[in-house]
């Protein structure tokens, strides 16, 4: 398993925050968790620059918005 350094974790957090900024109240737990998981997967695949993580986060948000919702 690839070790995530503090700078990479900071990039992940920044990408998450910048992407969720467009959502009301910064997004709910479900969308933030979805994006965070995609960021973690990308970082484990060594896509670790701020630019790469920003792209991953924005695509994850688009995927989340387009995904069918499960009934509650």
N, C-alpha and C. Protein backbone atom coordinates (compact mmCIF):
# COMPACT_ATOMS: atom_id res chain seq x y z
N UNK A 1 0.85 -1.17 0.00
CA UNK A 1 0.00 0.00 0.00
C UNK A 1 0.90 1.24 0.00
N UNK A 2 0.56 2.18 -0.82
CA UNK A 2 1.29 3.44 -0.96
C UNK A 2 1.01 4.32 0.24
N UNK A 3 2.06 4.86 0.86
CA UNK A 3 1.89 5.71 2.04
C UNK A 3 1.56 7.13 1.61
N UNK A 4 0.50 7.66 2.17
CA UNK A 4 0.09 9.03 1.87
C UNK A 4 0.84 9.98 2.81
N UNK A 5 1.62 10.85 2.23
CA UNK A 5 2.37 11.82 3.01
C UNK A 5 1.47 12.98 3.41
N UNK A 6 1.94 13.78 4.35
CA UNK A 6 1.16 14.94 4.79
C UNK A 6 0.86 15.90 3.63
N UNK A 7 1.82 16.20 2.75
CA UNK A 7 1.47 17.08 1.63
C UNK A 7 0.38 16.49 0.73
N UNK A 8 0.39 15.20 0.50
CA UNK A 8 -0.64 14.57 -0.33
C UNK A 8 -1.99 14.67 0.37
N UNK A 9 -2.02 14.42 1.67
CA UNK A 9 -3.27 14.55 2.43
C UNK A 9 -3.80 15.98 2.37
N UNK A 10 -2.90 16.94 2.41
CA UNK A 10 -3.30 18.35 2.30
C UNK A 10 -3.89 18.63 0.94
N UNK A 11 -3.28 18.10 -0.11
CA UNK A 11 -3.82 18.26 -1.46
C UNK A 11 -5.21 17.63 -1.57
N UNK A 12 -5.37 16.46 -0.98
CA UNK A 12 -6.67 15.78 -1.01
C UNK A 12 -7.74 16.62 -0.32
N UNK A 13 -7.40 17.15 0.84
CA UNK A 13 -8.34 17.98 1.59
C UNK A 13 -8.69 19.25 0.82
N UNK A 14 -7.68 19.85 0.22
CA UNK A 14 -7.92 21.08 -0.56
C UNK A 14 -8.81 20.80 -1.77
N UNK A 15 -8.55 19.70 -2.47
CA UNK A 15 -9.38 19.34 -3.62
C UNK A 15 -10.82 19.09 -3.19
N UNK A 16 -11.01 18.42 -2.07
CA UNK A 16 -12.35 18.17 -1.55
C UNK A 16 -13.05 19.47 -1.21
N UNK A 17 -12.37 20.35 -0.48
CA UNK A 17 -12.98 21.62 -0.06
C UNK A 17 -13.31 22.50 -1.26
N UNK A 18 -12.40 22.61 -2.21
CA UNK A 18 -12.63 23.46 -3.37
C UNK A 18 -13.79 22.93 -4.22
N UNK A 19 -13.89 21.62 -4.34
CA UNK A 19 -14.96 21.03 -5.13
C UNK A 19 -16.31 21.18 -4.44
N UNK A 20 -16.34 20.99 -3.14
CA UNK A 20 -17.61 21.06 -2.40
C UNK A 20 -18.06 22.50 -2.14
N UNK A 21 -17.22 23.44 -2.40
CA UNK A 21 -17.57 24.85 -2.20
C UNK A 21 -18.80 25.25 -3.02
N UNK A 22 -19.03 24.60 -4.14
CA UNK A 22 -20.17 24.94 -5.00
C UNK A 22 -21.48 24.38 -4.47
N UNK A 23 -21.41 23.49 -3.49
CA UNK A 23 -22.61 22.86 -2.94
C UNK A 23 -23.18 23.67 -1.78
N UNK A 24 -24.49 23.61 -1.57
CA UNK A 24 -25.07 24.29 -0.41
C UNK A 24 -24.43 23.77 0.88
N UNK A 25 -24.00 24.68 1.71
CA UNK A 25 -23.36 24.35 2.99
C UNK A 25 -22.15 23.43 2.85
N UNK A 26 -21.50 23.45 1.70
CA UNK A 26 -20.30 22.64 1.49
C UNK A 26 -20.57 21.17 1.25
N UNK A 27 -21.83 20.82 1.03
CA UNK A 27 -22.18 19.43 0.74
C UNK A 27 -22.50 18.64 2.00
N UNK A 28 -23.30 17.60 1.83
CA UNK A 28 -23.63 16.75 2.97
C UNK A 28 -22.62 15.61 3.09
N UNK A 29 -22.79 14.82 4.13
CA UNK A 29 -21.83 13.75 4.42
C UNK A 29 -21.72 12.76 3.25
N UNK A 30 -22.86 12.44 2.65
CA UNK A 30 -22.86 11.42 1.59
C UNK A 30 -22.00 11.83 0.40
N UNK A 31 -22.19 13.04 -0.08
CA UNK A 31 -21.42 13.49 -1.25
C UNK A 31 -19.95 13.67 -0.88
N UNK A 32 -19.67 14.22 0.29
CA UNK A 32 -18.28 14.42 0.71
C UNK A 32 -17.56 13.08 0.87
N UNK A 33 -18.24 12.09 1.42
CA UNK A 33 -17.64 10.76 1.59
C UNK A 33 -17.37 10.12 0.23
N UNK A 34 -18.30 10.28 -0.71
CA UNK A 34 -18.13 9.74 -2.05
C UNK A 34 -16.90 10.33 -2.72
N UNK A 35 -16.77 11.65 -2.66
CA UNK A 35 -15.63 12.33 -3.27
C UNK A 35 -14.34 11.95 -2.55
N UNK A 36 -14.38 11.91 -1.23
CA UNK A 36 -13.18 11.56 -0.45
C UNK A 36 -12.69 10.16 -0.80
N UNK A 37 -13.60 9.22 -1.00
CA UNK A 37 -13.19 7.87 -1.36
C UNK A 37 -12.52 7.85 -2.73
N UNK A 38 -13.07 8.60 -3.67
CA UNK A 38 -12.45 8.69 -4.99
C UNK A 38 -11.06 9.31 -4.89
N UNK A 39 -10.91 10.32 -4.04
CA UNK A 39 -9.60 10.95 -3.85
C UNK A 39 -8.61 9.97 -3.24
N UNK A 40 -9.05 9.20 -2.26
CA UNK A 40 -8.18 8.22 -1.63
C UNK A 40 -7.74 7.15 -2.64
N UNK A 41 -8.68 6.70 -3.46
CA UNK A 41 -8.35 5.71 -4.49
C UNK A 41 -7.33 6.27 -5.48
N UNK A 42 -7.53 7.53 -5.88
CA UNK A 42 -6.60 8.16 -6.82
C UNK A 42 -5.22 8.30 -6.20
N UNK A 43 -5.17 8.72 -4.95
CA UNK A 43 -3.88 8.90 -4.28
C UNK A 43 -3.16 7.55 -4.16
N UNK A 44 -3.90 6.48 -3.86
CA UNK A 44 -3.28 5.16 -3.79
C UNK A 44 -2.75 4.72 -5.14
N UNK A 45 -3.33 5.25 -6.21
CA UNK A 45 -2.86 4.96 -7.57
C UNK A 45 -1.77 5.92 -8.00
N UNK A 46 -1.28 6.69 -7.03
CA UNK A 46 -0.17 7.64 -7.22
C UNK A 46 -0.53 8.82 -8.11
N UNK A 47 -1.79 9.16 -8.13
CA UNK A 47 -2.22 10.41 -8.77
C UNK A 47 -2.31 11.42 -7.64
N UNK A 48 -1.21 12.13 -7.40
CA UNK A 48 -1.08 12.85 -6.14
C UNK A 48 -0.83 14.35 -6.28
N UNK A 49 -0.80 14.88 -7.49
CA UNK A 49 -0.62 16.32 -7.60
C UNK A 49 -1.95 17.00 -7.31
N UNK A 50 -1.89 18.26 -6.93
CA UNK A 50 -3.11 19.01 -6.66
C UNK A 50 -3.99 19.05 -7.90
N UNK A 51 -3.39 19.23 -9.06
CA UNK A 51 -4.16 19.27 -10.29
C UNK A 51 -4.88 17.95 -10.57
N UNK A 52 -4.17 16.85 -10.43
CA UNK A 52 -4.79 15.54 -10.66
C UNK A 52 -5.92 15.28 -9.67
N UNK A 53 -5.68 15.60 -8.41
CA UNK A 53 -6.70 15.37 -7.39
C UNK A 53 -7.92 16.28 -7.59
N UNK A 54 -7.68 17.49 -8.06
CA UNK A 54 -8.79 18.39 -8.36
C UNK A 54 -9.67 17.83 -9.46
N UNK A 55 -9.05 17.28 -10.48
CA UNK A 55 -9.81 16.67 -11.58
C UNK A 55 -10.61 15.48 -11.07
N UNK A 56 -9.99 14.65 -10.26
CA UNK A 56 -10.67 13.48 -9.69
C UNK A 56 -11.87 13.93 -8.87
N UNK A 57 -11.69 14.96 -8.05
CA UNK A 57 -12.77 15.43 -7.18
C UNK A 57 -13.94 15.99 -8.00
N UNK A 58 -13.63 16.77 -9.02
CA UNK A 58 -14.71 17.34 -9.85
C UNK A 58 -15.45 16.25 -10.62
N UNK A 59 -14.72 15.27 -11.11
CA UNK A 59 -15.37 14.15 -11.82
C UNK A 59 -16.22 13.34 -10.84
N UNK A 60 -15.74 13.14 -9.63
CA UNK A 60 -16.51 12.41 -8.62
C UNK A 60 -17.82 13.14 -8.32
N UNK A 61 -17.77 14.46 -8.22
CA UNK A 61 -18.99 15.23 -7.97
C UNK A 61 -19.95 15.07 -9.13
N UNK A 62 -19.45 15.14 -10.34
CA UNK A 62 -20.31 14.95 -11.52
C UNK A 62 -20.91 13.55 -11.53
N UNK A 63 -20.11 12.54 -11.18
CA UNK A 63 -20.60 11.17 -11.13
C UNK A 63 -21.67 11.02 -10.05
N UNK A 64 -21.44 11.63 -8.91
CA UNK A 64 -22.39 11.55 -7.80
C UNK A 64 -23.73 12.17 -8.20
N UNK A 65 -23.66 13.31 -8.84
CA UNK A 65 -24.89 14.00 -9.26
C UNK A 65 -25.65 13.21 -10.30
N UNK A 66 -24.95 12.44 -11.11
CA UNK A 66 -25.59 11.66 -12.17
C UNK A 66 -26.00 10.26 -11.74
N UNK A 67 -25.58 9.85 -10.54
CA UNK A 67 -25.87 8.49 -10.08
C UNK A 67 -27.32 8.37 -9.63
N UNK A 68 -27.95 7.24 -9.95
CA UNK A 68 -29.32 7.04 -9.44
C UNK A 68 -29.28 6.92 -7.91
N UNK A 69 -30.27 7.47 -7.26
CA UNK A 69 -30.35 7.45 -5.80
C UNK A 69 -31.06 6.20 -5.32
N UNK A 70 -30.57 5.67 -4.21
CA UNK A 70 -31.24 4.54 -3.58
C UNK A 70 -32.38 5.08 -2.72
N UNK A 71 -33.50 4.36 -2.67
CA UNK A 71 -34.58 4.82 -1.80
C UNK A 71 -34.16 4.74 -0.33
N UNK A 72 -34.66 5.66 0.44
CA UNK A 72 -34.30 5.71 1.87
C UNK A 72 -35.20 4.81 2.67
